[in-house]
Structure formats: C-alpha cells, structure tokens
N, C-alpha and C. Protein backbone atom coordinates (compact mmCIF):
# COMPACT_ATOMS: atom_id res chain seq x y z
N MET A 1 70.61 -13.09 -39.25
CA MET A 1 71.87 -12.34 -37.99
C MET A 1 73.02 -13.75 -38.01
N GLN A 2 73.95 -12.56 -37.97
CA GLN A 2 75.44 -13.68 -37.98
C GLN A 2 75.98 -14.45 -36.65
N LYS A 3 76.04 -15.45 -36.31
CA LYS A 3 76.40 -16.43 -35.09
C LYS A 3 77.92 -16.11 -35.23
N VAL A 4 78.09 -16.54 -34.07
CA VAL A 4 79.63 -16.50 -33.35
C VAL A 4 80.06 -17.27 -32.73
N ASN A 5 80.27 -18.98 -32.53
CA ASN A 5 80.46 -19.57 -31.03
C ASN A 5 82.41 -19.38 -31.31
N TYR A 6 82.56 -18.91 -29.38
CA TYR A 6 84.19 -19.48 -29.34
C TYR A 6 84.23 -20.25 -28.03
N ASP A 7 85.20 -21.40 -28.33
CA ASP A 7 85.39 -22.39 -26.59
C ASP A 7 86.67 -22.40 -26.60
N THR A 8 87.40 -22.27 -25.76
CA THR A 8 88.18 -22.57 -25.48
C THR A 8 88.80 -22.76 -23.78
N THR A 9 89.73 -23.00 -23.43
CA THR A 9 90.13 -23.29 -22.37
C THR A 9 91.29 -22.81 -22.01
N VAL A 10 91.31 -21.78 -20.17
CA VAL A 10 92.35 -21.21 -19.89
C VAL A 10 92.76 -21.75 -18.74
N ASN A 11 94.70 -21.36 -18.14
CA ASN A 11 95.19 -22.09 -17.14
C ASN A 11 95.09 -20.96 -16.20
N ILE A 12 93.83 -20.59 -15.78
CA ILE A 12 93.72 -19.52 -14.56
C ILE A 12 92.34 -20.09 -14.16
N SER A 13 92.39 -20.03 -12.74
CA SER A 13 90.76 -20.66 -11.71
C SER A 13 89.92 -19.58 -12.26
N LEU A 14 88.87 -20.50 -11.64
CA LEU A 14 87.63 -19.43 -11.97
C LEU A 14 87.64 -18.39 -11.37
N ASP A 15 87.55 -18.70 -9.69
CA ASP A 15 87.93 -17.40 -9.03
C ASP A 15 88.37 -16.50 -9.53
N VAL A 16 89.56 -16.38 -9.96
CA VAL A 16 90.51 -15.33 -10.41
C VAL A 16 89.75 -15.00 -11.21
N LEU A 17 89.65 -15.85 -12.42
CA LEU A 17 89.36 -15.26 -13.42
C LEU A 17 88.05 -14.43 -13.46
N TRP A 18 87.28 -14.63 -12.83
CA TRP A 18 86.44 -14.02 -12.01
C TRP A 18 85.73 -12.83 -11.55
N ASN A 19 87.15 -13.00 -11.06
CA ASN A 19 86.93 -11.42 -9.98
C ASN A 19 87.42 -10.73 -10.82
N PHE A 20 88.25 -11.01 -11.97
CA PHE A 20 89.13 -9.61 -12.47
C PHE A 20 87.60 -9.31 -14.22
N MET A 21 86.89 -10.29 -14.60
CA MET A 21 85.80 -10.44 -15.49
C MET A 21 84.70 -9.55 -14.79
N LYS A 22 84.28 -9.52 -13.98
CA LYS A 22 83.23 -9.12 -13.57
C LYS A 22 82.99 -7.72 -13.57
N ASP A 23 84.23 -6.94 -13.41
CA ASP A 23 84.40 -5.18 -13.36
C ASP A 23 84.16 -5.25 -15.44
N PHE A 24 83.90 -4.61 -15.42
CA PHE A 24 83.85 -4.77 -17.09
C PHE A 24 85.40 -3.31 -17.46
N SER A 25 85.53 -2.69 -16.31
CA SER A 25 86.26 -1.78 -16.53
C SER A 25 87.93 -2.64 -16.66
N ASN A 26 87.77 -3.40 -16.44
CA ASN A 26 88.95 -4.32 -16.42
C ASN A 26 89.52 -4.55 -18.13
N TRP A 27 88.21 -5.25 -18.60
CA TRP A 27 88.72 -5.94 -19.86
C TRP A 27 87.89 -5.09 -20.97
N GLY A 28 87.27 -4.43 -20.64
CA GLY A 28 86.27 -3.65 -21.63
C GLY A 28 87.44 -2.88 -22.86
N PRO A 29 88.43 -1.80 -22.52
CA PRO A 29 89.80 -1.40 -23.46
C PRO A 29 90.16 -2.69 -24.03
N MET A 30 89.97 -3.98 -23.39
CA MET A 30 90.78 -4.63 -24.42
C MET A 30 90.28 -5.73 -26.21
N VAL A 31 88.91 -4.85 -25.83
CA VAL A 31 88.27 -5.41 -26.55
C VAL A 31 89.00 -5.09 -27.94
N LYS A 32 88.98 -5.05 -29.48
CA LYS A 32 89.37 -4.45 -30.54
C LYS A 32 88.57 -3.61 -31.00
N GLY A 33 89.07 -2.66 -31.07
CA GLY A 33 88.04 -1.58 -32.21
C GLY A 33 87.50 -1.09 -31.19
N TYR A 34 88.04 -0.91 -29.56
CA TYR A 34 87.19 -0.70 -28.04
C TYR A 34 87.56 1.08 -28.55
N GLN A 35 86.62 1.94 -27.77
CA GLN A 35 87.08 3.72 -27.90
C GLN A 35 86.82 4.33 -26.70
N SER A 36 85.49 3.76 -25.86
CA SER A 36 85.00 4.65 -25.03
C SER A 36 83.73 3.45 -24.24
N HIS A 37 83.82 3.91 -22.75
CA HIS A 37 82.30 2.89 -22.19
C HIS A 37 81.80 3.64 -21.25
N GLU A 38 80.68 3.93 -21.52
CA GLU A 38 80.09 4.56 -19.92
C GLU A 38 78.85 3.38 -19.38
N ILE A 39 79.70 3.87 -17.79
CA ILE A 39 78.79 2.83 -17.31
C ILE A 39 77.55 4.20 -16.34
N LEU A 40 75.87 3.30 -16.70
CA LEU A 40 74.72 3.83 -16.69
C LEU A 40 74.60 3.85 -15.30
N ASN A 41 74.05 2.33 -14.85
CA ASN A 41 73.54 1.68 -14.64
C ASN A 41 74.36 0.08 -13.84
N GLU A 42 73.48 -0.69 -12.79
CA GLU A 42 73.90 -2.20 -13.01
C GLU A 42 74.11 -2.93 -14.00
N LYS A 43 73.04 -2.59 -14.96
CA LYS A 43 72.37 -3.21 -15.76
C LYS A 43 73.10 -2.58 -17.46
N GLU A 44 73.08 -1.05 -17.43
CA GLU A 44 72.89 -1.00 -18.89
C GLU A 44 74.05 0.02 -18.83
N SER A 45 74.73 0.12 -19.56
CA SER A 45 75.93 0.53 -20.49
C SER A 45 75.90 1.63 -21.92
N VAL A 46 76.75 2.20 -22.14
CA VAL A 46 76.77 2.70 -23.40
C VAL A 46 78.40 2.75 -24.21
N TRP A 47 78.34 1.68 -25.43
CA TRP A 47 79.95 1.44 -25.60
C TRP A 47 80.33 1.89 -26.73
N THR A 48 81.69 2.70 -27.22
CA THR A 48 81.52 2.97 -28.56
C THR A 48 82.80 1.93 -29.13
N LEU A 49 82.67 1.73 -30.38
CA LEU A 49 83.49 0.35 -30.95
C LEU A 49 83.83 0.73 -32.26
N LYS A 50 84.50 0.82 -32.58
CA LYS A 50 85.16 0.60 -34.26
C LYS A 50 85.16 -0.60 -34.74
N GLY A 51 84.64 -0.81 -35.58
CA GLY A 51 84.87 -2.42 -36.56
C GLY A 51 85.45 -1.59 -37.61
N GLU A 52 86.82 -2.41 -37.93
CA GLU A 52 87.24 -2.65 -39.08
C GLU A 52 86.61 -3.28 -40.31
N PHE A 53 86.19 -3.18 -41.28
CA PHE A 53 85.41 -4.07 -42.62
C PHE A 53 86.50 -4.14 -43.60
N GLY A 54 87.10 -4.63 -44.01
CA GLY A 54 88.22 -4.49 -45.36
C GLY A 54 88.52 -3.15 -45.48
N SER A 55 87.92 -2.72 -45.99
CA SER A 55 88.70 -1.04 -46.75
C SER A 55 88.08 0.03 -46.24
N PHE A 56 87.07 -0.61 -45.88
CA PHE A 56 86.65 1.47 -44.36
C PHE A 56 86.16 0.43 -42.82
N SER A 57 85.48 1.64 -42.32
CA SER A 57 85.02 1.14 -40.96
C SER A 57 84.65 2.06 -40.57
N ARG A 58 84.00 1.63 -39.71
CA ARG A 58 82.37 1.85 -38.50
C ARG A 58 82.66 1.96 -37.19
N ARG A 59 82.07 3.54 -37.09
CA ARG A 59 82.48 3.81 -35.38
C ARG A 59 81.26 3.72 -34.54
N THR A 60 81.00 3.08 -33.61
CA THR A 60 79.59 2.44 -33.68
C THR A 60 79.10 2.53 -32.10
N LYS A 61 78.46 3.27 -32.18
CA LYS A 61 77.41 3.31 -30.42
C LYS A 61 76.94 2.19 -29.73
N PHE A 62 76.95 1.78 -29.57
CA PHE A 62 75.57 0.23 -28.56
C PHE A 62 74.79 0.79 -27.14
N HIS A 63 73.86 0.90 -26.79
CA HIS A 63 73.21 0.82 -25.75
C HIS A 63 73.12 -0.88 -25.26
N THR A 64 73.82 -1.57 -24.14
CA THR A 64 74.40 -2.21 -24.15
C THR A 64 73.47 -3.35 -22.19
N THR A 65 72.19 -3.78 -22.48
CA THR A 65 71.63 -3.92 -21.31
C THR A 65 71.92 -5.57 -20.78
N ILE A 66 72.33 -6.14 -19.80
CA ILE A 66 72.72 -6.95 -18.76
C ILE A 66 71.51 -7.68 -19.00
N THR A 67 71.37 -8.97 -19.10
CA THR A 67 69.82 -9.72 -19.16
C THR A 67 70.15 -10.66 -18.44
N ASP A 68 71.04 -11.72 -18.10
CA ASP A 68 71.85 -12.46 -17.23
C ASP A 68 72.91 -12.49 -17.01
N TRP A 69 72.74 -12.27 -15.62
CA TRP A 69 74.43 -12.47 -14.48
C TRP A 69 73.90 -13.28 -13.41
N ILE A 70 74.88 -14.32 -13.54
CA ILE A 70 75.25 -15.36 -12.65
C ILE A 70 76.50 -15.93 -12.35
N PRO A 71 77.31 -15.20 -11.28
CA PRO A 71 78.60 -15.20 -10.56
C PRO A 71 79.20 -16.05 -10.75
N LYS A 72 79.98 -16.51 -11.32
CA LYS A 72 81.13 -17.36 -11.87
C LYS A 72 80.61 -18.47 -12.52
N GLU A 73 79.62 -18.00 -13.43
CA GLU A 73 79.22 -18.97 -14.48
C GLU A 73 78.45 -18.69 -15.54
N LYS A 74 77.80 -17.40 -15.74
CA LYS A 74 77.00 -16.59 -16.59
C LYS A 74 77.12 -15.62 -16.49
N VAL A 75 76.96 -14.72 -18.43
CA VAL A 75 76.70 -13.21 -17.87
C VAL A 75 76.41 -13.39 -20.19
N ALA A 76 74.81 -12.64 -19.93
CA ALA A 76 74.19 -12.08 -20.86
C ALA A 76 73.90 -10.70 -21.39
N PHE A 77 73.95 -10.61 -22.77
CA PHE A 77 73.18 -9.39 -22.78
C PHE A 77 72.57 -8.99 -24.21
N GLU A 78 72.25 -8.05 -24.58
CA GLU A 78 71.73 -7.61 -25.19
C GLU A 78 72.31 -6.39 -25.54
N MET A 79 72.52 -5.55 -26.93
CA MET A 79 73.17 -4.50 -27.63
C MET A 79 72.06 -3.36 -28.75
N LYS A 80 72.26 -2.30 -28.65
CA LYS A 80 71.22 -1.97 -30.33
C LYS A 80 72.29 -0.90 -30.46
N GLY A 81 72.29 -0.90 -31.36
CA GLY A 81 72.73 0.82 -32.41
C GLY A 81 72.24 2.01 -31.64
N LEU A 82 73.42 2.97 -31.16
CA LEU A 82 72.24 4.41 -30.86
C LEU A 82 72.78 5.28 -32.68
N ASN A 83 73.52 5.57 -33.40
CA ASN A 83 73.93 5.57 -34.60
C ASN A 83 74.08 4.61 -35.17
N GLU A 84 73.65 3.80 -35.91
CA GLU A 84 73.56 2.88 -36.82
C GLU A 84 72.93 1.47 -36.37
N PRO A 85 71.84 1.32 -37.11
CA PRO A 85 70.81 0.72 -37.37
C PRO A 85 71.44 -1.08 -36.98
N VAL A 86 72.29 -1.38 -36.46
CA VAL A 86 72.58 -2.85 -35.66
C VAL A 86 71.78 -3.39 -34.56
N SER A 87 71.82 -4.25 -34.32
CA SER A 87 71.48 -4.85 -32.82
C SER A 87 72.68 -5.99 -32.79
N GLY A 88 72.59 -6.62 -31.82
CA GLY A 88 73.06 -8.22 -31.43
C GLY A 88 72.59 -9.00 -29.95
N TYR A 89 73.65 -9.54 -29.79
CA TYR A 89 72.83 -9.68 -28.51
C TYR A 89 74.63 -10.72 -27.76
N GLY A 90 74.55 -11.65 -27.10
CA GLY A 90 76.03 -11.92 -26.39
C GLY A 90 75.80 -12.98 -24.50
N VAL A 91 76.68 -13.96 -25.37
CA VAL A 91 76.20 -15.00 -24.21
C VAL A 91 77.66 -15.53 -23.57
N VAL A 92 78.18 -15.32 -22.52
CA VAL A 92 79.69 -15.51 -21.65
C VAL A 92 79.16 -16.68 -20.67
N GLN A 93 79.87 -18.27 -21.33
CA GLN A 93 79.56 -18.98 -20.39
C GLN A 93 80.71 -19.55 -19.37
N LEU A 94 81.09 -19.40 -18.05
CA LEU A 94 82.42 -19.57 -17.64
C LEU A 94 82.23 -21.46 -16.63
N ALA A 95 83.01 -22.28 -16.75
CA ALA A 95 83.26 -23.36 -15.57
C ALA A 95 84.37 -23.40 -15.55
N SER A 96 84.70 -24.55 -13.99
CA SER A 96 85.44 -24.84 -13.57
C SER A 96 85.97 -26.49 -14.11
N GLU A 97 86.99 -26.57 -14.35
CA GLU A 97 87.54 -28.10 -15.04
C GLU A 97 88.06 -28.66 -13.58
N VAL A 98 86.66 -30.16 -13.07
CA VAL A 98 87.55 -30.40 -11.90
C VAL A 98 88.73 -31.16 -12.05
N GLY A 99 89.47 -30.79 -11.01
CA GLY A 99 90.01 -31.74 -10.59
C GLY A 99 91.55 -30.45 -11.06
N GLN A 100 91.27 -29.93 -11.91
CA GLN A 100 92.40 -28.63 -12.33
C GLN A 100 92.24 -27.43 -12.10
N ASN A 101 93.24 -26.51 -12.10
CA ASN A 101 93.59 -25.05 -12.21
C ASN A 101 92.85 -24.54 -13.49
N ASN A 102 92.07 -24.97 -14.17
CA ASN A 102 91.67 -24.35 -15.81
C ASN A 102 90.24 -23.93 -15.66
N THR A 103 90.39 -22.87 -16.15
CA THR A 103 88.83 -22.44 -16.40
C THR A 103 88.09 -22.68 -18.18
N ARG A 104 86.93 -23.11 -18.30
CA ARG A 104 86.02 -22.95 -19.85
C ARG A 104 85.89 -21.76 -20.00
N ILE A 105 85.63 -21.59 -20.86
CA ILE A 105 85.35 -19.99 -21.86
C ILE A 105 84.44 -20.52 -23.14
N PHE A 106 83.02 -20.27 -22.43
CA PHE A 106 82.64 -20.66 -23.92
C PHE A 106 81.83 -18.94 -24.31
N ALA A 107 81.59 -18.96 -25.56
CA ALA A 107 81.01 -17.50 -26.03
C ALA A 107 79.93 -17.65 -26.87
N GLU A 108 79.25 -17.24 -27.09
CA GLU A 108 77.76 -17.25 -28.01
C GLU A 108 77.34 -15.78 -28.81
N ALA A 109 77.61 -15.10 -29.63
CA ALA A 109 77.31 -14.27 -30.23
C ALA A 109 76.66 -13.75 -31.33
N GLY A 110 75.29 -12.74 -31.51
CA GLY A 110 74.98 -12.66 -32.27
C GLY A 110 74.59 -11.08 -33.31
N PHE A 111 74.80 -10.79 -34.44
CA PHE A 111 75.10 -10.01 -34.62
C PHE A 111 74.01 -8.96 -36.14
N ASN A 112 73.51 -8.75 -36.33
CA ASN A 112 72.61 -7.82 -37.45
C ASN A 112 72.60 -6.51 -38.24
N ALA A 113 73.45 -6.24 -39.02
CA ALA A 113 73.42 -5.08 -39.39
C ALA A 113 72.01 -4.63 -40.40
N GLY A 114 71.75 -3.35 -40.20
CA GLY A 114 70.73 -2.86 -40.99
C GLY A 114 71.26 -1.68 -42.11
N GLY A 115 70.20 -1.08 -43.09
CA GLY A 115 70.58 -0.27 -43.56
C GLY A 115 71.32 -0.73 -44.88
N ALA A 116 72.18 0.60 -46.32
CA ALA A 116 72.40 0.14 -47.35
C ALA A 116 73.69 -0.95 -47.09
N MET A 117 74.71 -0.64 -46.27
CA MET A 117 75.47 -1.83 -46.20
C MET A 117 75.40 -2.75 -45.70
N GLY A 118 74.51 -2.83 -44.94
CA GLY A 118 74.24 -4.10 -43.63
C GLY A 118 73.93 -5.63 -44.03
N PRO A 119 73.59 -6.02 -46.05
CA PRO A 119 74.52 -7.30 -46.06
C PRO A 119 75.88 -7.51 -46.16
N LEU A 120 76.61 -6.07 -46.33
CA LEU A 120 77.88 -6.93 -46.94
C LEU A 120 78.74 -6.89 -45.88
N ILE A 121 77.88 -5.80 -44.23
CA ILE A 121 79.01 -5.93 -42.68
C ILE A 121 78.59 -7.23 -42.26
N ASN A 122 77.01 -7.87 -42.33
CA ASN A 122 76.93 -8.56 -42.33
C ASN A 122 77.64 -9.96 -43.00
N ARG A 123 77.76 -10.24 -43.98
CA ARG A 123 79.15 -11.13 -44.54
C ARG A 123 80.41 -11.43 -43.74
N MET A 124 80.46 -9.70 -43.15
CA MET A 124 82.33 -9.73 -42.90
C MET A 124 82.47 -10.00 -41.40
N VAL A 125 81.23 -9.64 -40.64
CA VAL A 125 81.24 -9.62 -39.52
C VAL A 125 81.68 -10.86 -38.78
N LYS A 126 81.60 -12.54 -39.44
CA LYS A 126 82.11 -12.97 -38.52
C LYS A 126 83.30 -13.91 -38.41
N PRO A 127 83.90 -13.11 -39.07
CA PRO A 127 85.70 -13.52 -39.01
C PRO A 127 86.38 -12.53 -38.85
N TRP A 128 85.62 -11.85 -38.27
CA TRP A 128 86.39 -10.57 -37.65
C TRP A 128 85.71 -10.49 -36.00
N ALA A 129 84.32 -10.89 -36.14
CA ALA A 129 84.36 -11.39 -34.23
C ALA A 129 85.26 -12.65 -33.69
N GLU A 130 85.72 -13.28 -34.65
CA GLU A 130 86.02 -14.73 -34.15
C GLU A 130 87.47 -13.70 -34.04
N THR A 131 88.29 -13.41 -34.93
CA THR A 131 88.93 -12.23 -34.31
C THR A 131 89.47 -11.63 -32.96
N VAL A 132 88.38 -10.77 -33.07
CA VAL A 132 87.93 -10.31 -31.92
C VAL A 132 87.97 -11.18 -30.66
N ALA A 133 87.63 -12.11 -30.79
CA ALA A 133 87.09 -13.09 -29.11
C ALA A 133 88.50 -13.50 -29.40
N GLU A 134 89.17 -14.40 -29.88
CA GLU A 134 90.47 -14.49 -29.72
C GLU A 134 91.72 -13.85 -29.27
N GLU A 135 91.42 -12.82 -29.84
CA GLU A 135 92.38 -11.42 -29.50
C GLU A 135 92.34 -11.13 -27.97
N LEU A 136 90.81 -11.37 -27.29
CA LEU A 136 90.55 -11.01 -26.38
C LEU A 136 90.75 -12.03 -25.31
N VAL A 137 90.28 -13.09 -25.31
CA VAL A 137 91.49 -13.99 -24.55
C VAL A 137 92.47 -14.21 -23.91
N LEU A 138 93.48 -13.74 -25.27
CA LEU A 138 95.00 -14.22 -24.64
C LEU A 138 95.21 -12.35 -23.92
N LYS A 139 95.07 -11.53 -24.52
CA LYS A 139 94.95 -10.21 -23.79
C LYS A 139 94.31 -10.70 -22.34
N LEU A 140 93.14 -10.78 -21.95
CA LEU A 140 92.73 -11.43 -21.09
C LEU A 140 93.67 -11.95 -20.04
N VAL A 141 94.47 -13.52 -20.56
CA VAL A 141 94.93 -13.96 -19.97
C VAL A 141 96.35 -13.62 -19.27
N GLU A 142 96.88 -12.44 -20.21
CA GLU A 142 97.90 -11.73 -20.08
C GLU A 142 97.89 -10.67 -18.73
N ALA A 143 96.76 -10.28 -18.70
CA ALA A 143 96.36 -8.96 -18.11
C ALA A 143 96.18 -9.67 -16.18
N VAL A 144 95.33 -10.70 -16.48
CA VAL A 144 94.90 -11.65 -15.10
C VAL A 144 96.62 -11.97 -14.26
N ARG A 145 97.01 -13.11 -15.51
CA ARG A 145 98.54 -13.41 -14.91
C ARG A 145 99.57 -11.94 -14.51
N THR A 146 99.77 -10.67 -15.21
CA THR A 146 100.21 -9.79 -15.04
C THR A 146 99.74 -9.68 -13.39
N ASP A 147 98.42 -9.26 -13.49
CA ASP A 147 98.09 -8.18 -12.66
C ASP A 147 98.68 -9.46 -10.73
N ARG A 148 98.44 -10.65 -11.17
CA ARG A 148 98.66 -11.47 -10.38
C ARG A 148 100.43 -11.19 -9.69
N ILE A 149 100.96 -11.23 -10.90
CA ILE A 149 102.23 -10.99 -10.45
C ILE A 149 102.30 -9.64 -9.99
N GLU A 150 102.37 -8.84 -9.75
CA GLU A 150 101.84 -6.94 -9.42
C GLU A 150 101.62 -7.33 -8.20
N VAL A 151 100.51 -8.27 -7.89
CA VAL A 151 100.35 -8.18 -6.71
C VAL A 151 101.42 -8.76 -5.61
N ALA A 152 102.02 -9.84 -5.85
CA ALA A 152 102.89 -10.45 -5.19
C ALA A 152 104.27 -10.05 -5.42
N VAL A 153 104.90 -9.45 -6.39
CA VAL A 153 106.06 -8.33 -5.84
C VAL A 153 105.97 -7.14 -4.92
N ASN A 154 104.94 -6.75 -5.49
CA ASN A 154 104.31 -5.75 -4.48
C ASN A 154 104.10 -6.14 -2.62
N ALA A 155 103.77 -7.01 -2.71
CA ALA A 155 103.21 -7.66 -1.07
C ALA A 155 104.92 -7.91 -0.60
N ARG A 156 105.62 -8.58 -1.61
CA ARG A 156 107.10 -9.27 -1.41
C ARG A 156 107.76 -8.26 -0.77
N VAL A 157 107.59 -6.79 -1.41
CA VAL A 157 108.78 -5.32 -1.24
C VAL A 157 107.98 -4.96 -0.02
N ALA A 158 106.18 -4.86 0.27
CA ALA A 158 105.92 -4.29 1.66
C ALA A 158 106.40 -5.40 2.82
N GLU A 159 106.93 -6.61 2.20
CA GLU A 159 107.51 -6.90 4.17
C GLU A 159 108.73 -6.44 4.21
N GLU A 160 109.38 -6.39 2.76
CA GLU A 160 111.03 -6.30 3.10
C GLU A 160 111.49 -4.89 3.69
N ILE A 161 110.08 -4.06 3.18
CA ILE A 161 109.76 -2.92 3.47
C ILE A 161 109.94 -2.98 5.29
N ASP A 162 108.78 -4.07 5.84
CA ASP A 162 108.81 -3.87 7.30
C ASP A 162 109.60 -4.39 8.08
N THR A 163 110.26 -5.68 6.89
CA THR A 163 111.05 -5.97 7.67
C THR A 163 112.64 -5.45 8.00
N THR A 164 113.07 -3.88 7.11
CA THR A 164 113.46 -3.00 7.25
C THR A 164 113.92 -1.72 8.84
N ASP A 165 112.71 -1.73 8.20
CA ASP A 165 111.89 -0.51 9.16
C ASP A 165 112.21 -0.94 10.79
N ASN A 166 112.49 -1.82 11.03
CA ASN A 166 112.01 -2.94 11.97
C ASN A 166 113.63 -3.04 13.14
N LEU A 167 114.44 -2.69 11.68
CA LEU A 167 115.71 -3.47 12.62
C LEU A 167 116.40 -1.46 13.78
N GLN A 168 117.36 -2.29 14.14
CA GLN A 168 116.98 -1.11 15.19
C GLN A 168 118.06 0.69 14.24
N THR A 169 118.29 0.76 13.77
CA THR A 169 118.72 1.86 13.00
C THR A 169 118.25 2.40 11.62
N PRO A 170 118.65 3.31 11.45
CA PRO A 170 118.51 3.69 10.05
C PRO A 170 119.09 2.99 8.98
N ASP A 171 120.89 3.36 9.68
CA ASP A 171 121.67 2.95 9.11
C ASP A 171 122.43 2.34 9.02
N THR A 172 121.91 1.03 10.00
CA THR A 172 122.12 -0.37 9.76
C THR A 172 123.00 -1.11 8.85
N PRO A 173 124.02 -1.40 8.49
CA PRO A 173 124.71 -1.88 7.19
C PRO A 173 123.60 -3.35 6.58
N ILE A 174 122.77 -4.11 7.12
CA ILE A 174 122.41 -4.88 6.60
C ILE A 174 120.63 -3.94 6.09
N LYS A 175 120.37 -3.34 6.78
CA LYS A 175 119.27 -2.28 5.42
C LYS A 175 120.01 -1.90 5.05
N LYS A 176 120.70 -1.43 4.74
CA LYS A 176 121.66 -0.43 3.24
C LYS A 176 121.44 -1.94 2.20
N ILE A 177 121.91 -3.20 2.89
CA ILE A 177 122.14 -4.35 1.88
C ILE A 177 120.68 -5.00 1.58
N PHE A 178 120.12 -4.59 2.29
CA PHE A 178 118.21 -5.06 1.48
C PHE A 178 117.97 -3.98 0.62
N ILE A 179 117.76 -3.08 0.76
CA ILE A 179 117.30 -1.97 0.39
C ILE A 179 118.47 -1.54 -1.59
N LEU A 180 119.36 -1.55 -1.54
CA LEU A 180 120.44 -2.21 -2.42
C LEU A 180 119.90 -3.34 -3.00
N ILE A 181 119.66 -4.80 -2.35
CA ILE A 181 118.98 -6.07 -2.86
C ILE A 181 117.73 -5.26 -3.60
N PHE A 182 116.53 -4.74 -3.09
CA PHE A 182 115.38 -4.74 -3.60
C PHE A 182 115.18 -3.60 -4.67
N ARG A 183 115.99 -2.90 -4.91
CA ARG A 183 116.53 -1.54 -5.50
C ARG A 183 116.46 -3.09 -6.76
N ALA A 184 117.77 -3.65 -6.72
CA ALA A 184 117.63 -3.94 -8.14
C ALA A 184 117.14 -4.79 -9.04
N LEU A 185 116.16 -5.79 -7.98
CA LEU A 185 114.95 -6.06 -8.33
C LEU A 185 113.88 -5.52 -8.67
N ASN A 186 113.46 -4.79 -8.54
CA ASN A 186 112.24 -3.71 -8.85
C ASN A 186 113.48 -3.08 -10.55
N LYS A 187 114.21 -2.94 -10.49
CA LYS A 187 114.83 -2.82 -11.65
C LYS A 187 114.73 -3.55 -12.79
N ILE A 188 114.86 -5.17 -12.35
CA ILE A 188 114.71 -6.26 -13.24
C ILE A 188 113.45 -6.25 -13.12
N PHE A 189 112.24 -5.92 -12.49
CA PHE A 189 110.94 -6.48 -13.14
C PHE A 189 110.41 -5.12 -14.06
N LYS A 190 111.12 -4.04 -13.52
CA LYS A 190 110.32 -3.48 -14.26
C LYS A 190 110.65 -3.46 -15.73
N LYS A 191 111.98 -3.95 -16.25
CA LYS A 191 112.05 -4.54 -17.37
C LYS A 191 111.43 -5.14 -18.21
N LEU A 192 111.04 -6.58 -17.41
CA LEU A 192 110.15 -7.71 -17.66
C LEU A 192 109.65 -6.90 -17.96
N TYR A 193 108.54 -6.48 -17.16
CA TYR A 193 106.76 -6.23 -17.00
C TYR A 193 106.82 -4.25 -16.49
N PRO A 194 107.45 -3.99 -18.20
CA PRO A 194 107.02 -2.26 -18.01
C PRO A 194 105.56 -1.59 -17.36
N GLN A 195 104.24 -2.36 -17.73
CA GLN A 195 103.21 -2.38 -17.74
C GLN A 195 102.80 -2.59 -15.74
N LEU A 196 103.87 -3.08 -15.00
CA LEU A 196 103.45 -2.98 -13.61
C LEU A 196 104.03 -1.96 -12.76
N LYS A 197 103.01 -1.87 -11.71
CA LYS A 197 103.95 -0.26 -11.03
C LYS A 197 104.28 -0.70 -9.46
N ILE A 198 105.30 -0.73 -9.55
CA ILE A 198 106.13 -1.25 -8.28
C ILE A 198 106.78 -0.93 -7.67
N ARG A 199 106.27 -0.85 -6.38
CA ARG A 199 106.43 0.22 -5.42
C ARG A 199 108.11 0.28 -5.44
N SER A 200 108.81 1.38 -4.88
CA SER A 200 110.40 1.76 -5.05
C SER A 200 110.83 2.11 -4.00
N LEU A 201 111.70 1.15 -3.10
CA LEU A 201 112.41 1.69 -1.84
C LEU A 201 113.12 3.18 -1.98
C-alpha cells in the first residue's frame, strides 16, 4: 500500500477552520479530480473522483466510511472502490498552536490499486496525492478567508442599510449619499472578489 504524509500550518484559527471543514460539501469539490459526491448518512458517502496518471485517467467511485470523528481534532475514514479494485484510508488531525492564531494540519493517507494496472497506478499515486494535498490546503485556506470577508462585508452593508432606513424620510440627502457610497464599495468588492455574493443597495 502506498502511503503519503502531509504536514503544514495555516494562519487560521482552529475554530474557524473546523467550522468550514466539518461540512464535506464545503471543501469536497475542491479536491483535484472531484466529480461528485452523495451523502448516504452521518458516516457513509459515495465519491466520484477522476485521477490523472500520466497519459491516462481513471474515473473511480469510492464508498467512504468515517471511522473516527473527534470535533476540532481528528477525522479518519476508509474507502473502497465500487467500480475499480482499489482501497485506502485517510486521517486528518488538527491542532491549535498555543498563543497563536494558527492551526497545524497533519494528514496521512494510504492507497492500494489492484488489477492489471494496479502496479503502475501504485507507483504514480504518491506524487499525485502530494500535489492533491498541497492544492487542497491552498484552496481551503482561500475559501475560508473569502467566506470570512463575505460575512464581514454583508454584515457591514446590512448595518448601513439599517442606518439609512432609520432616517426620517426616504429622500433625505444623507441617505442618498450613503447609498451612492455603498453602491460604489459593492462594485469595488465585486471586482476584487467576484466569487462573493454581496447584497446590493
């Protein structure tokens, strides 16, 4: 069985990171080769991934079972191929660094492919998995930070809407100025962060 370890530290608090990661639908589509997933129950799900190995690719369905779930600390799972003779496991551990707003992420995964192409795939899966892990963490960090920006911006806009709504008349010049300012800010944020859904005034 081919095994891969990944260890890194991100500048995001453990609470914020876990709140995002605990819902697989938030980050599952970020996995390289992701095609789809279906949640069967609290512990089981089916994932379809497409792995690119050199000049050929394989689309595989995995039945995944969570074997360990400790909030803000550890998630472990096992997987078995439904349409390919493959199996594997994964463990992700999180730890907050004392005195810092950082979280350490340690991941371990094992993968074994059978069949005629098994030996070739097993030789190629380790560098592929290392690339997948690196890209996933980068995307996850960007998504968490973007999500926090969106929440902050929408909260600020909502606060200003409430402020302008409390003015005495709808035609108050001050209210019109507020609206113009925040429309301009909205345009700026939409250009900087086109993936955000920012409420318009």
